[in-house]
Amino acid sequence: MRKKFALLARFVVDSEGKKIGESISFYEDMLIIKKGKDYCAIPLKHVELKDGKIHVKGIVNWDKAKELAKGWLKNV
């Protein structure tokens, strides 16, 4: 559990180190990211913490990530 909370309030970057957004919460087994004005949900198995930033592994379907975040939005 402690490891999971280490992912909060961190910058999220892609595989090239480009800033995507910031981690703000968890929903089920996903990390919620504030990306511009949008909220996105990324499965925890697709992120890793290194060098103080969260790195997204692989290719993300951002439309799907926004859809997944709608469940979180209904509960906050």
N, C-alpha and C. Protein backbone atom coordinates (compact mmCIF):
# COMPACT_ATOMS: atom_id res chain seq x y z
N MET A 1 0.81 -1.20 0.00
CA MET A 1 0.00 0.00 0.00
C MET A 1 0.86 1.26 0.00
N ARG A 2 1.91 1.26 0.79
CA ARG A 2 2.80 2.42 0.88
C ARG A 2 3.41 2.73 -0.49
N LYS A 3 3.77 1.69 -1.24
CA LYS A 3 4.34 1.87 -2.56
C LYS A 3 3.34 2.55 -3.50
N LYS A 4 2.08 2.18 -3.37
CA LYS A 4 1.03 2.75 -4.21
C LYS A 4 0.91 4.26 -3.96
N PHE A 5 0.90 4.68 -2.70
CA PHE A 5 0.75 6.09 -2.39
C PHE A 5 1.97 6.92 -2.79
N ALA A 6 3.08 6.27 -3.02
CA ALA A 6 4.27 6.98 -3.50
C ALA A 6 4.05 7.50 -4.93
N LEU A 7 3.01 7.01 -5.60
CA LEU A 7 2.71 7.43 -6.97
C LEU A 7 1.89 8.72 -7.05
N LEU A 8 1.36 9.17 -5.93
CA LEU A 8 0.51 10.36 -5.94
C LEU A 8 1.32 11.65 -6.00
N ALA A 9 0.72 12.66 -6.63
CA ALA A 9 1.30 14.01 -6.73
C ALA A 9 2.67 13.98 -7.40
N ARG A 10 2.75 13.23 -8.47
CA ARG A 10 3.99 13.12 -9.26
C ARG A 10 3.69 13.51 -10.71
N PHE A 11 4.71 14.02 -11.38
CA PHE A 11 4.56 14.26 -12.80
C PHE A 11 4.58 12.92 -13.52
N VAL A 12 3.78 12.83 -14.57
CA VAL A 12 3.69 11.62 -15.38
C VAL A 12 4.29 11.96 -16.74
N VAL A 13 5.20 11.09 -17.21
CA VAL A 13 5.88 11.31 -18.48
C VAL A 13 5.73 10.10 -19.38
N ASP A 14 5.91 10.33 -20.69
CA ASP A 14 5.85 9.22 -21.64
C ASP A 14 7.22 8.58 -21.75
N SER A 15 7.36 7.65 -22.67
CA SER A 15 8.62 6.91 -22.81
C SER A 15 9.79 7.79 -23.22
N GLU A 16 9.51 8.96 -23.79
CA GLU A 16 10.56 9.89 -24.20
C GLU A 16 10.85 10.95 -23.13
N GLY A 17 10.16 10.86 -22.00
CA GLY A 17 10.36 11.81 -20.92
C GLY A 17 9.53 13.07 -21.04
N LYS A 18 8.61 13.12 -22.02
CA LYS A 18 7.74 14.28 -22.22
C LYS A 18 6.61 14.27 -21.19
N LYS A 19 6.40 15.41 -20.53
CA LYS A 19 5.38 15.51 -19.48
C LYS A 19 3.98 15.32 -20.08
N ILE A 20 3.22 14.43 -19.45
CA ILE A 20 1.85 14.15 -19.85
C ILE A 20 0.87 14.86 -18.92
N GLY A 21 1.15 14.81 -17.63
CA GLY A 21 0.25 15.39 -16.64
C GLY A 21 0.75 15.11 -15.24
N GLU A 22 -0.20 15.03 -14.29
CA GLU A 22 0.16 14.78 -12.89
C GLU A 22 -0.79 13.76 -12.29
N SER A 23 -0.24 12.85 -11.50
CA SER A 23 -1.06 11.82 -10.84
C SER A 23 -1.80 12.46 -9.66
N ILE A 24 -3.10 12.14 -9.54
CA ILE A 24 -3.89 12.79 -8.49
C ILE A 24 -4.68 11.83 -7.61
N SER A 25 -4.93 10.60 -8.08
CA SER A 25 -5.77 9.69 -7.29
C SER A 25 -5.64 8.26 -7.82
N PHE A 26 -6.38 7.36 -7.16
CA PHE A 26 -6.50 5.97 -7.61
C PHE A 26 -7.97 5.64 -7.77
N TYR A 27 -8.25 4.74 -8.68
CA TYR A 27 -9.60 4.22 -8.86
C TYR A 27 -9.46 2.76 -9.26
N GLU A 28 -9.97 1.88 -8.40
CA GLU A 28 -9.81 0.44 -8.59
C GLU A 28 -8.32 0.13 -8.77
N ASP A 29 -7.91 -0.44 -9.90
CA ASP A 29 -6.49 -0.76 -10.11
C ASP A 29 -5.84 0.20 -11.10
N MET A 30 -6.33 1.46 -11.09
CA MET A 30 -5.83 2.45 -12.05
C MET A 30 -5.35 3.72 -11.35
N LEU A 31 -4.42 4.37 -12.01
CA LEU A 31 -3.91 5.66 -11.55
C LEU A 31 -4.65 6.75 -12.31
N ILE A 32 -5.17 7.74 -11.59
CA ILE A 32 -5.87 8.85 -12.22
C ILE A 32 -4.86 9.97 -12.47
N ILE A 33 -4.86 10.42 -13.71
CA ILE A 33 -3.93 11.47 -14.15
C ILE A 33 -4.73 12.68 -14.60
N LYS A 34 -4.31 13.86 -14.15
CA LYS A 34 -4.88 15.12 -14.65
C LYS A 34 -4.02 15.51 -15.83
N LYS A 35 -4.63 15.48 -17.02
CA LYS A 35 -3.91 15.76 -18.27
C LYS A 35 -4.59 16.96 -18.93
N GLY A 36 -4.01 18.14 -18.73
CA GLY A 36 -4.67 19.36 -19.19
C GLY A 36 -5.95 19.55 -18.40
N LYS A 37 -7.07 19.66 -19.10
CA LYS A 37 -8.36 19.79 -18.41
C LYS A 37 -9.06 18.45 -18.28
N ASP A 38 -8.46 17.40 -18.78
CA ASP A 38 -9.05 16.06 -18.76
C ASP A 38 -8.50 15.20 -17.63
N TYR A 39 -9.29 14.18 -17.26
CA TYR A 39 -8.86 13.17 -16.31
C TYR A 39 -8.77 11.85 -17.07
N CYS A 40 -7.71 11.11 -16.83
CA CYS A 40 -7.48 9.84 -17.51
C CYS A 40 -7.12 8.78 -16.47
N ALA A 41 -7.51 7.54 -16.76
CA ALA A 41 -7.20 6.42 -15.87
C ALA A 41 -6.29 5.44 -16.60
N ILE A 42 -5.14 5.16 -16.01
CA ILE A 42 -4.15 4.25 -16.58
C ILE A 42 -3.96 3.08 -15.62
N PRO A 43 -4.05 1.84 -16.11
CA PRO A 43 -3.82 0.70 -15.22
C PRO A 43 -2.45 0.80 -14.53
N LEU A 44 -2.43 0.50 -13.24
CA LEU A 44 -1.18 0.59 -12.47
C LEU A 44 -0.07 -0.28 -13.06
N LYS A 45 -0.44 -1.38 -13.70
CA LYS A 45 0.58 -2.26 -14.29
C LYS A 45 1.28 -1.60 -15.49
N HIS A 46 0.75 -0.47 -15.96
CA HIS A 46 1.36 0.22 -17.10
C HIS A 46 2.14 1.47 -16.70
N VAL A 47 2.41 1.61 -15.40
CA VAL A 47 3.21 2.75 -14.94
C VAL A 47 4.31 2.27 -14.01
N GLU A 48 5.39 3.04 -13.96
CA GLU A 48 6.47 2.74 -13.01
C GLU A 48 7.09 4.05 -12.55
N LEU A 49 7.52 4.07 -11.29
CA LEU A 49 8.16 5.24 -10.70
C LEU A 49 9.66 5.10 -10.84
N LYS A 50 10.27 6.09 -11.48
CA LYS A 50 11.73 6.14 -11.52
C LYS A 50 12.18 7.58 -11.68
N ASP A 51 13.25 7.90 -11.02
CA ASP A 51 13.81 9.26 -11.02
C ASP A 51 12.79 10.31 -10.57
N GLY A 52 11.90 9.92 -9.64
CA GLY A 52 10.93 10.85 -9.09
C GLY A 52 9.74 11.15 -9.98
N LYS A 53 9.67 10.49 -11.13
CA LYS A 53 8.56 10.71 -12.05
C LYS A 53 7.90 9.37 -12.36
N ILE A 54 6.64 9.44 -12.76
CA ILE A 54 5.93 8.25 -13.18
C ILE A 54 6.07 8.12 -14.68
N HIS A 55 6.58 6.97 -15.11
CA HIS A 55 6.77 6.69 -16.53
C HIS A 55 5.67 5.74 -17.00
N VAL A 56 4.98 6.13 -18.07
CA VAL A 56 3.95 5.28 -18.67
C VAL A 56 4.64 4.31 -19.61
N LYS A 57 4.32 3.03 -19.44
CA LYS A 57 4.91 1.99 -20.28
C LYS A 57 3.95 1.67 -21.43
N GLY A 58 4.49 1.63 -22.62
CA GLY A 58 3.69 1.26 -23.78
C GLY A 58 2.90 2.43 -24.36
N ILE A 59 1.98 2.08 -25.26
CA ILE A 59 1.16 3.07 -25.95
C ILE A 59 -0.18 3.18 -25.23
N VAL A 60 -0.62 4.41 -25.01
CA VAL A 60 -1.87 4.65 -24.29
C VAL A 60 -2.94 5.11 -25.27
N ASN A 61 -4.10 4.50 -25.18
CA ASN A 61 -5.28 4.97 -25.91
C ASN A 61 -5.94 6.02 -25.01
N TRP A 62 -5.69 7.29 -25.28
CA TRP A 62 -6.14 8.35 -24.38
C TRP A 62 -7.66 8.47 -24.36
N ASP A 63 -8.33 8.15 -25.47
CA ASP A 63 -9.80 8.18 -25.46
C ASP A 63 -10.35 7.14 -24.49
N LYS A 64 -9.77 5.96 -24.51
CA LYS A 64 -10.18 4.88 -23.59
C LYS A 64 -9.85 5.29 -22.14
N ALA A 65 -8.67 5.90 -21.94
CA ALA A 65 -8.27 6.34 -20.60
C ALA A 65 -9.25 7.37 -20.04
N LYS A 66 -9.75 8.27 -20.90
CA LYS A 66 -10.74 9.26 -20.45
C LYS A 66 -12.05 8.57 -20.08
N GLU A 67 -12.45 7.58 -20.85
CA GLU A 67 -13.67 6.83 -20.56
C GLU A 67 -13.56 6.11 -19.21
N LEU A 68 -12.41 5.48 -18.97
CA LEU A 68 -12.20 4.77 -17.71
C LEU A 68 -12.26 5.71 -16.51
N ALA A 69 -11.81 6.94 -16.71
CA ALA A 69 -11.80 7.92 -15.62
C ALA A 69 -13.19 8.40 -15.25
N LYS A 70 -14.17 8.20 -16.12
CA LYS A 70 -15.54 8.65 -15.82
C LYS A 70 -16.10 7.95 -14.58
N GLY A 71 -15.73 6.69 -14.36
CA GLY A 71 -16.15 5.97 -13.16
C GLY A 71 -15.62 6.65 -11.91
N TRP A 72 -14.39 7.09 -11.96
CA TRP A 72 -13.79 7.80 -10.83
C TRP A 72 -14.49 9.13 -10.60
N LEU A 73 -14.76 9.87 -11.69
CA LEU A 73 -15.42 11.16 -11.57
C LEU A 73 -16.80 11.06 -10.92
N LYS A 74 -17.50 9.96 -11.17
CA LYS A 74 -18.82 9.78 -10.57
C LYS A 74 -18.74 9.56 -9.07
N ASN A 75 -17.58 9.14 -8.57
CA ASN A 75 -17.42 8.81 -7.16
C ASN A 75 -16.70 9.88 -6.34
N VAL A 76 -16.31 10.98 -6.97
CA VAL A 76 -15.61 12.03 -6.21
C VAL A 76 -16.52 13.20 -5.93
